[in-house]
Amino acid sequence: MLSTNELVSVGTFQVLKLPLGFIRVLEWLFSIFAFATCGGYSGQLWVSVDCQLDKASSNLSIGIDFAYPFRLHQVSFEAPLCEGGRRERLFLIGDYTSSAEFFVTIAVFAFLYSFMATIVYIFFQNKYRENNRGPLIDFIVTVVFSFMWLVSSSAWAKALSDIKVATDPDEVQELMSACKVMTNKCGSVQGPRWSGLNTSVVFGFLNFVLWAGNIWFVFKETGWHKGGPARYAGAPPEKQAETFNQQQPYNQGSFDQSGGYSAQGDQEQVSEYSPVGGPTSFSNQM
């Protein structure tokens, strides 16, 4: 086992200056922002009910709290009926747990993987490139996370839109029986703040862009990319010469068969004539 000081001394921190390592660090940071802004959210809205015929029953500050994972159908509040001081217990509408938890789960796993990948890049570069398994696994995981970020961010954006509708004070007032009576006055005191959740959606799609863009840089580390033209360019000169010599007889033979000419045939054709241009056989007869 290497100590911490030994690991730091042998660590190749230069990889963080390359796109592969630098983007991994950004993925690690952006995944933290994604699950923190979504998983740590809690909101509150306030509505008021002013009973005209029964002022004692009026409630001008009805607070409704909700938070992650947004099981709104379990969020309850009490509202006056404006009839003899009676009250009713109401619940919000909707359950958006699946989309919210799916988004946070992808963010957490992306955080863990990007962190471990960065550690491998720095301290275990030789193990990473051994037998090409590391780059191949890294490439497959990167593609999967890119797709999952796109799906989870899209689902969460749609769920957030529905949450905004379900927690809109005007929509909540329609659930109250007292607000359906024309003589009573219902209003919105304060609505939820959505800046945190809006930021989570932005970070979700930014993570998709980062992971999708990093696919190319991870692919360049795999044998699939290096097994193409690069294998000939990186081959030793002896290997290239051997390949060329194997191809040369085939090309020469093809030329001889197709054209019917060769260097030897040209010399034989010239030897049949004398230097002055006459045939050799006629000179011998003289």
Protein backbone atom coordinates (compact mmCIF):
# COMPACT_ATOMS: atom_id res chain seq x y z
CA MET A 1 0.00 0.00 0.00
CA LEU A 2 1.27 3.45 -0.92
CA SER A 3 1.04 6.24 1.61
CA THR A 4 -0.72 9.51 0.83
CA ASN A 5 2.57 11.34 0.27
CA GLU A 6 3.78 8.62 -2.10
CA LEU A 7 0.52 8.70 -4.05
CA VAL A 8 0.76 12.47 -4.41
CA SER A 9 4.35 12.19 -5.56
CA VAL A 10 3.54 9.63 -8.28
CA GLY A 11 0.22 11.18 -9.26
CA THR A 12 0.02 12.56 -12.78
CA PHE A 13 -1.86 15.78 -12.10
CA GLN A 14 -1.04 16.96 -15.61
CA VAL A 15 -4.06 14.97 -16.79
CA LEU A 16 -6.30 17.62 -15.24
CA LYS A 17 -5.01 20.07 -17.83
CA LEU A 18 -6.24 17.83 -20.65
CA PRO A 19 -9.89 17.89 -21.82
CA LEU A 20 -10.52 14.38 -20.50
CA GLY A 21 -9.52 15.17 -16.92
CA PHE A 22 -10.72 18.77 -16.89
CA ILE A 23 -14.23 17.86 -18.06
CA ARG A 24 -14.41 15.09 -15.45
CA VAL A 25 -13.77 17.66 -12.73
CA LEU A 26 -16.52 19.88 -14.16
CA GLU A 27 -18.89 16.91 -14.23
CA TRP A 28 -18.11 16.26 -10.57
CA LEU A 29 -18.87 19.85 -9.59
CA PHE A 30 -21.99 20.24 -11.73
CA SER A 31 -23.48 16.98 -10.44
CA ILE A 32 -23.14 18.34 -6.89
CA PHE A 33 -25.03 21.48 -7.85
CA ALA A 34 -27.71 19.41 -9.60
CA PHE A 35 -28.68 17.14 -6.71
CA ALA A 36 -28.12 19.82 -4.06
CA THR A 37 -30.49 22.34 -5.65
CA CYS A 38 -33.17 19.71 -6.20
CA GLY A 39 -32.81 17.42 -3.19
CA GLY A 40 -32.44 20.28 -0.72
CA TYR A 41 -35.44 22.28 -1.85
CA SER A 42 -38.33 23.28 0.41
CA GLY A 43 -41.03 25.74 -0.58
CA GLN A 44 -43.97 27.51 0.97
CA LEU A 45 -47.01 29.37 -0.28
CA TRP A 46 -49.53 31.55 1.54
CA VAL A 47 -53.20 32.14 0.76
CA SER A 48 -55.94 34.04 2.56
CA VAL A 49 -59.67 33.51 3.12
CA ASP A 50 -61.80 36.46 4.18
CA CYS A 51 -65.27 35.38 5.29
CA GLN A 52 -67.68 38.26 4.77
CA LEU A 53 -70.54 36.75 6.79
CA ASP A 54 -68.41 35.24 9.55
CA LYS A 55 -65.38 37.41 10.20
CA ALA A 56 -64.29 35.27 13.13
CA SER A 57 -63.69 32.35 10.79
CA SER A 58 -61.45 34.31 8.43
CA ASN A 59 -57.83 33.28 8.04
CA LEU A 60 -55.64 35.71 6.16
CA SER A 61 -52.41 33.68 6.36
CA ILE A 62 -52.79 29.99 5.49
CA GLY A 63 -49.31 28.55 5.06
CA ILE A 64 -48.68 25.43 2.97
CA ASP A 65 -45.24 23.81 3.09
CA PHE A 66 -43.90 21.27 0.60
CA ALA A 67 -40.44 19.90 -0.18
CA TYR A 68 -38.48 17.21 -2.00
CA PRO A 69 -39.47 14.52 -3.09
CA PHE A 70 -42.71 16.42 -3.86
CA ARG A 71 -45.40 14.02 -2.69
CA LEU A 72 -47.94 16.80 -2.94
CA HIS A 73 -50.89 14.48 -2.41
CA GLN A 74 -49.60 14.01 1.14
CA VAL A 75 -49.27 17.75 1.85
CA SER A 76 -52.27 18.87 3.90
CA PHE A 77 -53.53 22.18 5.21
CA GLU A 78 -56.63 23.49 6.95
CA ALA A 79 -58.94 26.14 5.52
CA PRO A 80 -62.04 27.80 7.06
CA LEU A 81 -65.51 26.95 5.76
CA CYS A 82 -66.90 30.33 6.84
CA GLU A 83 -69.76 28.52 8.55
CA GLY A 84 -69.83 28.65 12.33
CA GLY A 85 -66.07 28.48 12.70
CA ARG A 86 -65.76 25.09 11.05
CA ARG A 87 -62.65 24.11 9.12
CA GLU A 88 -61.83 21.56 6.43
CA ARG A 89 -58.67 19.58 5.81
CA LEU A 90 -57.43 19.66 2.22
CA PHE A 91 -54.56 18.09 0.26
CA LEU A 92 -52.58 19.30 -2.70
CA ILE A 93 -52.79 17.37 -5.96
CA GLY A 94 -50.04 15.34 -7.59
CA ASP A 95 -47.15 12.99 -6.87
CA TYR A 96 -43.85 13.81 -8.58
CA THR A 97 -41.61 11.56 -6.53
CA SER A 98 -40.45 9.37 -9.42
CA SER A 99 -39.12 12.18 -11.60
CA ALA A 100 -37.48 14.04 -8.71
CA GLU A 101 -35.82 10.98 -7.19
CA PHE A 102 -34.72 9.73 -10.60
CA PHE A 103 -33.01 13.03 -11.29
CA VAL A 104 -31.28 13.12 -7.91
CA THR A 105 -30.22 9.47 -8.19
CA ILE A 106 -28.55 10.06 -11.56
CA ALA A 107 -26.82 13.14 -10.15
CA VAL A 108 -25.49 11.23 -7.13
CA PHE A 109 -24.17 8.32 -9.20
CA ALA A 110 -22.63 10.72 -11.70
CA PHE A 111 -20.92 12.50 -8.81
CA LEU A 112 -19.50 9.23 -7.50
CA TYR A 113 -18.32 7.98 -10.87
CA SER A 114 -16.71 11.25 -11.97
CA PHE A 115 -14.91 11.45 -8.64
CA MET A 116 -13.58 7.88 -8.90
CA ALA A 117 -12.64 8.38 -12.57
CA THR A 118 -10.64 11.47 -11.68
CA ILE A 119 -8.76 9.55 -8.98
CA VAL A 120 -7.97 6.79 -11.49
CA TYR A 121 -6.76 9.30 -14.08
CA ILE A 122 -4.36 10.85 -11.58
CA PHE A 123 -2.99 7.94 -9.54
CA PHE A 124 -3.68 4.78 -11.56
CA GLN A 125 -3.01 5.80 -15.15
CA ASN A 126 -1.09 2.61 -15.92
CA LYS A 127 -3.85 0.39 -14.58
CA TYR A 128 -6.38 2.45 -16.51
CA ARG A 129 -4.66 1.79 -19.84
CA GLU A 130 -3.79 -1.85 -19.15
CA ASN A 131 -5.30 -4.16 -21.79
CA ASN A 132 -7.45 -1.21 -22.94
CA ARG A 133 -10.17 -2.23 -20.47
CA GLY A 134 -10.19 1.05 -18.58
CA PRO A 135 -10.87 3.30 -21.58
CA LEU A 136 -13.52 0.92 -22.95
CA ILE A 137 -15.40 0.79 -19.64
CA ASP A 138 -15.02 4.55 -19.27
CA PHE A 139 -16.42 5.09 -22.76
CA ILE A 140 -19.47 2.86 -22.21
CA VAL A 141 -20.26 4.44 -18.84
CA THR A 142 -19.91 7.93 -20.30
CA VAL A 143 -22.37 7.14 -23.08
CA VAL A 144 -24.86 5.67 -20.60
CA PHE A 145 -24.64 8.66 -18.27
CA SER A 146 -25.09 11.05 -21.19
CA PHE A 147 -28.33 9.34 -22.12
CA MET A 148 -29.51 9.16 -18.52
CA TRP A 149 -28.82 12.85 -17.95
CA LEU A 150 -30.92 13.74 -20.97
CA VAL A 151 -33.82 11.52 -19.88
CA SER A 152 -33.76 12.51 -16.21
CA SER A 153 -33.40 16.23 -16.94
CA SER A 154 -36.27 16.18 -19.42
CA ALA A 155 -38.49 14.25 -17.01
CA TRP A 156 -37.61 16.56 -14.13
CA ALA A 157 -38.27 19.68 -16.23
CA LYS A 158 -41.74 18.36 -17.08
CA ALA A 159 -42.40 17.44 -13.43
CA LEU A 160 -41.28 20.88 -12.26
CA SER A 161 -43.71 22.50 -14.66
CA ASP A 162 -46.54 20.42 -13.18
CA ILE A 163 -45.41 21.22 -9.63
CA LYS A 164 -45.59 24.93 -10.37
CA VAL A 165 -49.18 24.50 -11.55
CA ALA A 166 -50.20 22.35 -8.59
CA THR A 167 -48.76 24.80 -6.05
CA ASP A 168 -49.98 27.97 -7.74
CA PRO A 169 -52.01 29.94 -5.15
CA ASP A 170 -54.84 30.46 -7.62
CA GLU A 171 -55.07 26.70 -8.17
CA VAL A 172 -54.98 26.04 -4.43
CA GLN A 173 -57.85 28.46 -3.85
CA GLU A 174 -60.04 26.37 -6.14
CA LEU A 175 -59.69 23.49 -3.70
CA MET A 176 -61.29 25.48 -0.86
CA SER A 177 -65.04 25.32 -0.42
CA ALA A 178 -65.18 28.83 1.06
CA CYS A 179 -63.57 30.28 -2.08
CA LYS A 180 -66.39 28.90 -4.20
CA VAL A 181 -68.86 31.18 -2.42
CA MET A 182 -69.10 34.54 -4.14
CA THR A 183 -69.49 36.51 -0.89
CA ASN A 184 -66.11 35.34 0.45
CA LYS A 185 -62.82 36.80 -0.69
CA CYS A 186 -59.80 34.58 -1.30
CA GLY A 187 -56.41 35.79 -2.37
CA SER A 188 -52.76 34.95 -2.76
CA VAL A 189 -50.40 36.27 -0.11
CA GLN A 190 -47.12 34.79 -1.34
CA GLY A 191 -46.14 32.16 -3.89
CA PRO A 192 -43.24 29.70 -3.81
CA ARG A 193 -39.77 30.69 -4.96
CA TRP A 194 -38.60 28.59 -7.89
CA SER A 195 -35.06 29.86 -8.40
CA GLY A 196 -33.48 26.79 -6.78
CA LEU A 197 -35.47 24.26 -8.79
CA ASN A 198 -35.02 26.21 -12.00
CA THR A 199 -31.29 26.10 -11.37
CA SER A 200 -31.42 22.34 -10.90
CA VAL A 201 -32.96 21.91 -14.34
CA VAL A 202 -30.27 24.12 -15.89
CA PHE A 203 -27.53 22.09 -14.21
CA GLY A 204 -29.20 18.90 -15.39
CA PHE A 205 -28.95 19.88 -19.04
CA LEU A 206 -25.47 21.31 -18.53
CA ASN A 207 -24.42 17.92 -17.19
CA PHE A 208 -25.85 16.30 -20.31
CA VAL A 209 -23.78 18.65 -22.49
CA LEU A 210 -20.63 17.91 -20.49
CA TRP A 211 -21.04 14.14 -20.55
CA ALA A 212 -22.04 14.07 -24.21
CA GLY A 213 -19.10 16.28 -25.16
CA ASN A 214 -16.71 14.10 -23.18
CA ILE A 215 -17.68 11.03 -25.20
CA TRP A 216 -15.25 12.01 -27.96
CA PHE A 217 -12.30 12.54 -25.61
CA VAL A 218 -12.91 9.19 -23.90
CA PHE A 219 -13.34 7.49 -27.28
CA LYS A 220 -9.90 8.73 -28.35
CA GLU A 221 -8.40 6.73 -25.47
CA THR A 222 -9.95 3.44 -26.60
CA GLY A 223 -8.54 0.83 -28.96
CA TRP A 224 -11.48 1.41 -31.28
CA HIS A 225 -10.08 4.81 -32.17
CA LYS A 226 -6.43 3.73 -32.15
CA GLY A 227 -7.19 0.61 -34.21
CA GLY A 228 -8.03 2.63 -37.33
CA PRO A 229 -5.57 4.59 -39.48
CA ALA A 230 -3.50 5.33 -36.39
CA ARG A 231 -2.23 1.75 -36.27
CA TYR A 232 -0.50 2.18 -39.64
CA ALA A 233 0.80 5.62 -38.80
CA GLY A 234 2.23 4.37 -35.52
CA ALA A 235 3.71 1.15 -36.95
CA PRO A 236 7.51 0.76 -37.08
CA PRO A 237 9.29 1.32 -40.44
CA GLU A 238 10.09 -2.40 -40.78
CA LYS A 239 6.40 -3.21 -40.51
CA GLN A 240 5.47 -0.61 -43.10
CA ALA A 241 8.20 -1.83 -45.50
CA GLU A 242 7.02 -5.41 -45.15
CA THR A 243 3.47 -4.39 -45.93
CA PHE A 244 4.63 -2.43 -48.98
CA ASN A 245 6.75 -5.33 -50.28
CA GLN A 246 3.81 -7.69 -49.96
CA GLN A 247 1.67 -5.39 -52.05
CA GLN A 248 4.34 -4.58 -54.71
CA PRO A 249 4.52 -8.04 -56.47
CA TYR A 250 0.77 -8.05 -56.82
CA ASN A 251 0.74 -4.62 -58.43
CA GLN A 252 3.67 -5.48 -60.76
CA GLY A 253 2.13 -8.76 -61.80
CA SER A 254 -1.15 -7.10 -62.53
CA PHE A 255 0.57 -4.54 -64.71
CA ASP A 256 2.44 -7.19 -66.68
CA GLN A 257 -0.70 -9.18 -67.32
CA SER A 258 -2.80 -6.21 -68.30
CA GLY A 259 -0.27 -4.29 -70.43
CA GLY A 260 1.92 -7.14 -71.62
CA TYR A 261 5.07 -5.07 -71.11
CA SER A 262 8.06 -5.46 -68.76
CA ALA A 263 11.61 -4.22 -68.46
CA GLN A 264 12.95 -7.55 -69.66
CA GLY A 265 10.67 -7.54 -72.69
CA ASP A 266 11.90 -4.10 -73.73
CA GLN A 267 15.53 -5.22 -73.65
CA GLU A 268 14.76 -8.30 -75.76
CA GLN A 269 12.94 -6.17 -78.27
CA VAL A 270 15.86 -3.75 -78.63
CA SER A 271 18.41 -6.59 -79.03
CA GLU A 272 16.65 -7.82 -82.16
CA TYR A 273 17.83 -4.76 -84.11
CA SER A 274 21.27 -3.57 -85.05
CA PRO A 275 22.71 -0.21 -83.92
CA VAL A 276 21.96 1.27 -87.37
CA GLY A 277 18.40 0.13 -87.14
CA GLY A 278 18.59 -3.03 -89.32
CA PRO A 279 17.58 -6.48 -88.12
CA THR A 280 20.31 -8.64 -86.62
CA SER A 281 19.36 -11.72 -88.64
CA PHE A 282 20.05 -9.87 -91.95
CA SER A 283 23.58 -8.85 -90.78
CA ASN A 284 24.43 -12.45 -89.97
CA GLN A 285 23.39 -13.60 -93.44
CA MET A 286 25.71 -11.07 -95.08
